[in-house]
Amino acid sequence: MTVAQLGLDGMPKRLFTATPTKLTTWLDCPKRYELTYIDKVPKGPPWAHNSLGLSVHNALRDWFLLPVAERTVDAAAAAVRGDWIDLGYRDAEQSAGWQERATTMVTDYVRTLDPTDEPIGIERTVALRTQTLALSGRADRIDVRSSVDGGEELVVVDYKTGRHLLSTDDARSSLALAVYARASERTLRRRCRKVELHHLPSGQVIAWEYDDGALERHLARAEGIAAEIAATEEFAPRPGVMCGYCDVVRECESGRQELGGVMRAPWDVLERWLADETGS
């Protein structure tokens, strides 16, 4: 016989464990959240654009892990080749073409960097707790830079490899970046208010600096999302255009109906990027 454990007055309430991705998945589609984080159904085939992004991130990670004297443009190109993920592409020719593009992105980017600048974190996991949440995330890069008062502060850098150009609003409104900033400050015990989006295809660097109030509002938003999830009994689907790019749509009846049973090819996003470039 199973005996339920009684709660005791004064015992701390169990915290809701989350990452920014987990919370934003809920905002996008509660059904996707349920299938991904509760039912943990198998994902569909890998997407080529995800393979591209991960390859670039891994190459930059490995470049920064080299000794300073070895952080050259040629080493960045070699890192792309060594870290290339050949999954989701239509064929070897398509994969090779995108590897060449990725190499150009990474080498152009590292030309803008000072190889002697040593980040304090590369793909660093940072975490914080609120009264109701245990939040964590992995920042692409955390720099230490001089602050206006002559001291040092942390700057969170997030790499982007998608087609769309970015704006200040993308940085300002990002729940993930706000969490990384506050969690970096808690984990590394240094002030962190500035975040940057580095868009490799265009060379854009979009910066935003939070004040304390903005960071607290982002954390309150995260707590609100978590409270919604915890109170939900029925995870309703939100069918729409993004069903075509959902990892778990094969397990979602509403999503399959939205797509008419026709699944998008794993390389579809990359082909759309090329079509937009050529205007075709």
Protein backbone atom coordinates (compact mmCIF):
# COMPACT_ATOMS: atom_id res chain seq x y z
CA MET A 1 0.00 0.00 0.00
CA THR A 2 1.30 3.44 -0.95
CA VAL A 3 1.13 6.06 1.76
CA ALA A 4 1.02 9.72 0.74
CA GLN A 5 3.60 11.88 2.42
CA LEU A 6 2.01 14.65 4.45
CA GLY A 7 3.21 18.19 4.01
CA LEU A 8 4.66 19.87 7.08
CA ASP A 9 4.03 23.46 7.99
CA GLY A 10 7.07 25.61 7.46
CA MET A 11 8.71 23.32 4.92
CA PRO A 12 10.08 25.19 1.88
CA LYS A 13 7.97 25.00 -1.25
CA ARG A 14 9.45 22.95 -4.08
CA LEU A 15 10.85 25.22 -6.78
CA PHE A 16 9.77 24.96 -10.41
CA THR A 17 12.86 24.00 -12.42
CA ALA A 18 13.15 25.66 -15.81
CA THR A 19 15.33 27.04 -18.56
CA PRO A 20 14.42 29.99 -20.78
CA THR A 21 13.79 27.56 -23.65
CA LYS A 22 11.38 25.56 -21.53
CA LEU A 23 9.40 28.67 -20.62
CA THR A 24 9.26 30.06 -24.15
CA THR A 25 8.19 26.65 -25.49
CA TRP A 26 5.14 26.96 -23.25
CA LEU A 27 4.41 30.43 -24.65
CA ASP A 28 4.67 29.13 -28.22
CA CYS A 29 2.46 26.08 -27.71
CA PRO A 30 1.37 24.34 -24.48
CA LYS A 31 0.90 21.06 -26.35
CA ARG A 32 4.46 21.19 -27.61
CA TYR A 33 5.55 21.81 -24.02
CA GLU A 34 3.63 18.75 -22.82
CA LEU A 35 4.98 16.47 -25.54
CA THR A 36 8.55 17.71 -25.08
CA TYR A 37 8.97 18.07 -21.31
CA ILE A 38 6.27 15.87 -19.77
CA ASP A 39 5.64 13.03 -22.21
CA LYS A 40 9.18 13.30 -23.64
CA VAL A 41 8.17 11.84 -26.99
CA PRO A 42 10.86 11.13 -29.60
CA LYS A 43 11.77 14.09 -31.77
CA GLY A 44 11.49 14.06 -35.53
CA PRO A 45 14.43 14.08 -37.95
CA PRO A 46 17.18 16.66 -37.30
CA TRP A 47 16.82 20.03 -39.00
CA ALA A 48 19.64 21.18 -41.25
CA HIS A 49 19.43 24.77 -39.98
CA ASN A 50 19.89 23.50 -36.41
CA SER A 51 22.92 21.49 -37.53
CA LEU A 52 24.32 24.64 -39.13
CA GLY A 53 23.82 26.73 -36.00
CA LEU A 54 25.29 24.10 -33.70
CA SER A 55 28.31 23.61 -35.96
CA VAL A 56 29.06 27.34 -35.87
CA HIS A 57 28.60 27.54 -32.10
CA ASN A 58 30.88 24.55 -31.56
CA ALA A 59 33.55 25.97 -33.85
CA LEU A 60 33.60 29.28 -31.95
CA ARG A 61 33.75 27.42 -28.66
CA ASP A 62 36.71 25.38 -29.81
CA TRP A 63 38.48 28.43 -31.23
CA PHE A 64 38.31 30.18 -27.86
CA LEU A 65 39.56 27.04 -26.12
CA LEU A 66 42.78 27.16 -28.15
CA PRO A 67 45.89 28.77 -26.68
CA VAL A 68 45.92 32.48 -27.51
CA ALA A 69 48.78 32.15 -29.99
CA GLU A 70 46.79 29.56 -31.97
CA ARG A 71 43.60 31.63 -32.32
CA THR A 72 44.03 32.41 -35.99
CA VAL A 73 41.63 32.75 -38.90
CA ASP A 74 42.93 29.47 -40.34
CA ALA A 75 42.28 27.77 -37.00
CA ALA A 76 38.68 29.05 -37.10
CA ALA A 77 38.21 27.53 -40.56
CA ALA A 78 39.66 24.25 -39.34
CA ALA A 79 37.30 24.31 -36.36
CA VAL A 80 34.28 24.57 -38.67
CA ARG A 81 35.49 21.58 -40.67
CA GLY A 82 36.23 19.58 -37.54
CA ASP A 83 32.92 20.41 -35.84
CA TRP A 84 30.70 20.12 -38.89
CA ILE A 85 27.42 18.28 -38.21
CA ASP A 86 26.28 16.60 -41.41
CA LEU A 87 22.65 15.97 -40.40
CA GLY A 88 19.41 17.10 -42.01
CA TYR A 89 20.86 18.19 -45.34
CA ARG A 90 19.38 17.00 -48.61
CA ASP A 91 22.66 15.52 -49.84
CA ALA A 92 26.45 15.83 -49.59
CA GLU A 93 26.50 18.70 -52.09
CA GLN A 94 24.09 20.80 -50.04
CA SER A 95 26.00 20.05 -46.86
CA ALA A 96 29.31 21.07 -48.47
CA GLY A 97 27.81 24.33 -49.73
CA TRP A 98 26.57 25.29 -46.29
CA GLN A 99 29.83 24.27 -44.69
CA GLU A 100 31.55 26.78 -46.98
CA ARG A 101 29.07 29.46 -45.92
CA ALA A 102 29.58 28.60 -42.26
CA THR A 103 33.36 28.84 -42.71
CA THR A 104 32.98 32.32 -44.19
CA MET A 105 30.71 33.38 -41.32
CA VAL A 106 33.09 32.18 -38.65
CA THR A 107 36.32 33.42 -40.23
CA ASP A 108 34.83 36.87 -40.96
CA TYR A 109 33.67 37.02 -37.36
CA VAL A 110 36.95 36.05 -35.71
CA ARG A 111 38.73 38.72 -37.78
CA THR A 112 36.79 41.25 -35.69
CA LEU A 113 37.98 39.74 -32.39
CA ASP A 114 41.09 40.30 -30.33
CA PRO A 115 42.35 36.76 -29.67
CA THR A 116 44.02 37.94 -26.45
CA ASP A 117 40.64 38.88 -24.93
CA GLU A 118 39.92 35.93 -22.66
CA PRO A 119 36.23 35.28 -21.93
CA ILE A 120 35.34 34.26 -18.39
CA GLY A 121 32.86 31.74 -19.74
CA ILE A 122 32.46 29.71 -22.94
CA GLU A 123 29.14 27.87 -23.16
CA ARG A 124 28.94 28.45 -19.42
CA THR A 125 25.96 27.17 -17.45
CA VAL A 126 24.68 29.83 -15.07
CA ALA A 127 21.83 29.61 -12.58
CA LEU A 128 19.73 31.53 -10.10
CA ARG A 129 16.83 30.97 -7.75
CA THR A 130 13.81 33.08 -6.98
CA GLN A 131 11.12 32.34 -4.40
CA THR A 132 9.35 30.03 -6.85
CA LEU A 133 11.86 29.23 -9.62
CA ALA A 134 15.15 27.44 -10.12
CA LEU A 135 16.36 28.91 -13.41
CA SER A 136 19.40 27.91 -15.41
CA GLY A 137 20.77 28.40 -18.88
CA ARG A 138 23.91 28.12 -20.95
CA ALA A 139 25.40 31.34 -22.26
CA ASP A 140 27.37 31.17 -25.51
CA ARG A 141 30.02 33.50 -24.13
CA ILE A 142 30.56 35.73 -21.11
CA ASP A 143 33.13 38.49 -21.41
CA VAL A 144 34.79 40.61 -18.73
CA ARG A 145 35.04 44.23 -19.84
CA SER A 146 35.92 47.59 -18.33
CA SER A 147 32.94 49.47 -16.91
CA VAL A 148 32.34 53.21 -17.01
CA ASP A 149 33.36 53.55 -13.37
CA GLY A 150 36.77 52.06 -14.06
CA GLY A 151 35.94 48.64 -12.69
CA GLU A 152 34.95 45.43 -14.46
CA GLU A 153 31.60 44.02 -15.48
CA LEU A 154 30.29 40.97 -17.29
CA VAL A 155 28.77 41.05 -20.77
CA VAL A 156 26.69 38.16 -22.09
CA VAL A 157 27.24 37.38 -25.79
CA ASP A 158 24.71 35.32 -27.74
CA TYR A 159 25.57 34.12 -31.26
CA LYS A 160 22.89 34.14 -33.95
CA THR A 161 23.13 32.38 -37.32
CA GLY A 162 19.62 32.85 -38.73
CA ARG A 163 18.74 34.82 -41.84
CA HIS A 164 16.80 37.69 -40.24
CA LEU A 165 18.53 40.90 -39.25
CA LEU A 166 18.14 41.80 -35.59
CA SER A 167 17.04 44.93 -33.75
CA THR A 168 17.49 46.40 -30.30
CA ASP A 169 14.04 45.06 -29.43
CA ASP A 170 15.30 41.51 -29.97
CA ALA A 171 17.88 42.02 -27.23
CA ARG A 172 15.72 44.13 -24.92
CA SER A 173 12.74 41.76 -24.95
CA SER A 174 14.66 38.48 -24.76
CA LEU A 175 13.74 36.50 -21.66
CA ALA A 176 16.75 34.25 -22.21
CA LEU A 177 19.26 37.12 -22.28
CA ALA A 178 17.78 38.66 -19.14
CA VAL A 179 18.02 35.33 -17.33
CA TYR A 180 21.62 34.86 -18.51
CA ALA A 181 22.54 38.34 -17.28
CA ARG A 182 21.04 37.91 -13.82
CA ALA A 183 22.23 34.30 -13.50
CA SER A 184 25.77 35.25 -14.63
CA GLU A 185 25.87 37.89 -11.94
CA ARG A 186 24.71 35.40 -9.31
CA THR A 187 27.00 32.59 -10.46
CA LEU A 188 30.16 34.59 -11.13
CA ARG A 189 29.59 37.26 -8.46
CA ARG A 190 30.25 40.22 -10.74
CA ARG A 191 27.92 42.89 -12.01
CA CYS A 192 26.20 42.03 -15.31
CA ARG A 193 23.76 44.37 -17.03
CA LYS A 194 24.84 44.32 -20.66
CA VAL A 195 23.95 41.71 -23.27
CA GLU A 196 24.86 41.47 -26.96
CA LEU A 197 23.46 39.61 -29.93
CA HIS A 198 26.18 38.82 -32.47
CA HIS A 199 24.57 38.06 -35.85
CA LEU A 200 27.27 36.25 -37.78
CA PRO A 201 25.74 36.31 -41.28
CA SER A 202 25.62 40.13 -41.30
CA GLY A 203 28.27 41.09 -38.75
CA GLN A 204 25.64 42.93 -36.68
CA VAL A 205 26.27 43.44 -32.98
CA ILE A 206 23.12 44.47 -31.13
CA ALA A 207 23.72 45.57 -27.54
CA TRP A 208 21.33 46.28 -24.70
CA GLU A 209 21.94 47.33 -21.13
CA TYR A 210 19.32 46.51 -18.50
CA ASP A 211 18.55 48.45 -15.38
CA ASP A 212 17.64 46.61 -12.19
CA GLY A 213 13.94 47.18 -12.74
CA ALA A 214 13.98 45.62 -16.20
CA LEU A 215 15.76 42.51 -14.97
CA GLU A 216 13.29 42.11 -12.13
CA ARG A 217 10.38 42.45 -14.56
CA HIS A 218 11.85 39.70 -16.72
CA LEU A 219 12.20 37.43 -13.69
CA ALA A 220 8.64 38.22 -12.62
CA ARG A 221 7.54 37.29 -16.14
CA ALA A 222 9.39 33.98 -15.84
CA GLU A 223 7.69 33.30 -12.51
CA GLY A 224 4.32 34.08 -14.06
CA ILE A 225 4.88 31.66 -16.92
CA ALA A 226 5.96 28.94 -14.50
CA ALA A 227 2.83 29.54 -12.40
CA GLU A 228 0.66 29.14 -15.51
CA ILE A 229 2.35 25.87 -16.37
CA ALA A 230 2.00 24.51 -12.82
CA ALA A 231 -1.71 25.37 -12.77
CA THR A 232 -2.48 23.83 -16.17
CA GLU A 233 -4.38 20.56 -16.43
CA GLU A 234 -5.03 20.52 -20.16
CA PHE A 235 -2.24 21.47 -22.55
CA ALA A 236 -4.08 22.93 -25.52
CA PRO A 237 -2.38 23.01 -28.93
CA ARG A 238 -1.89 26.28 -30.82
CA PRO A 239 -1.81 25.15 -34.44
CA GLY A 240 -0.28 27.53 -36.96
CA VAL A 241 2.53 28.06 -39.42
CA MET A 242 5.20 27.01 -36.90
CA CYS A 243 3.77 23.49 -36.76
CA GLY A 244 5.82 22.84 -39.87
CA TYR A 245 9.01 23.30 -37.86
CA CYS A 246 7.99 21.58 -34.63
CA ASP A 247 10.19 18.70 -33.47
CA VAL A 248 7.23 16.77 -32.05
CA VAL A 249 4.49 17.53 -34.58
CA ARG A 250 4.30 13.87 -35.57
CA GLU A 251 2.87 13.17 -32.12
CA CYS A 252 0.34 16.02 -32.29
CA GLU A 253 -2.98 15.44 -34.04
CA SER A 254 -3.77 19.17 -34.31
CA GLY A 255 -0.37 19.86 -35.81
CA ARG A 256 -0.68 17.08 -38.37
CA GLN A 257 -4.10 18.41 -39.39
CA GLU A 258 -2.68 21.91 -39.72
CA LEU A 259 -0.05 20.57 -42.12
CA GLY A 260 -2.47 18.38 -44.04
CA GLY A 261 -0.22 15.43 -43.28
CA VAL A 262 2.63 16.90 -45.34
CA MET A 263 5.83 17.28 -43.29
CA ARG A 264 8.44 19.84 -44.23
CA ALA A 265 11.81 18.58 -45.43
CA PRO A 266 14.63 18.91 -42.86
CA TRP A 267 16.48 21.30 -45.20
CA ASP A 268 13.41 23.47 -45.92
CA VAL A 269 14.54 26.48 -43.85
CA LEU A 270 17.89 26.69 -45.63
CA GLU A 271 16.22 26.53 -49.04
CA ARG A 272 13.92 29.38 -48.03
CA TRP A 273 16.94 31.44 -46.95
CA LEU A 274 18.53 30.94 -50.36
CA ALA A 275 15.27 31.74 -52.13
CA ASP A 276 14.98 35.00 -50.20
CA GLU A 277 18.55 35.93 -51.18
CA THR A 278 17.90 35.38 -54.87
CA GLY A 279 14.34 36.69 -54.86
CA SER A 280 13.06 33.46 -56.35
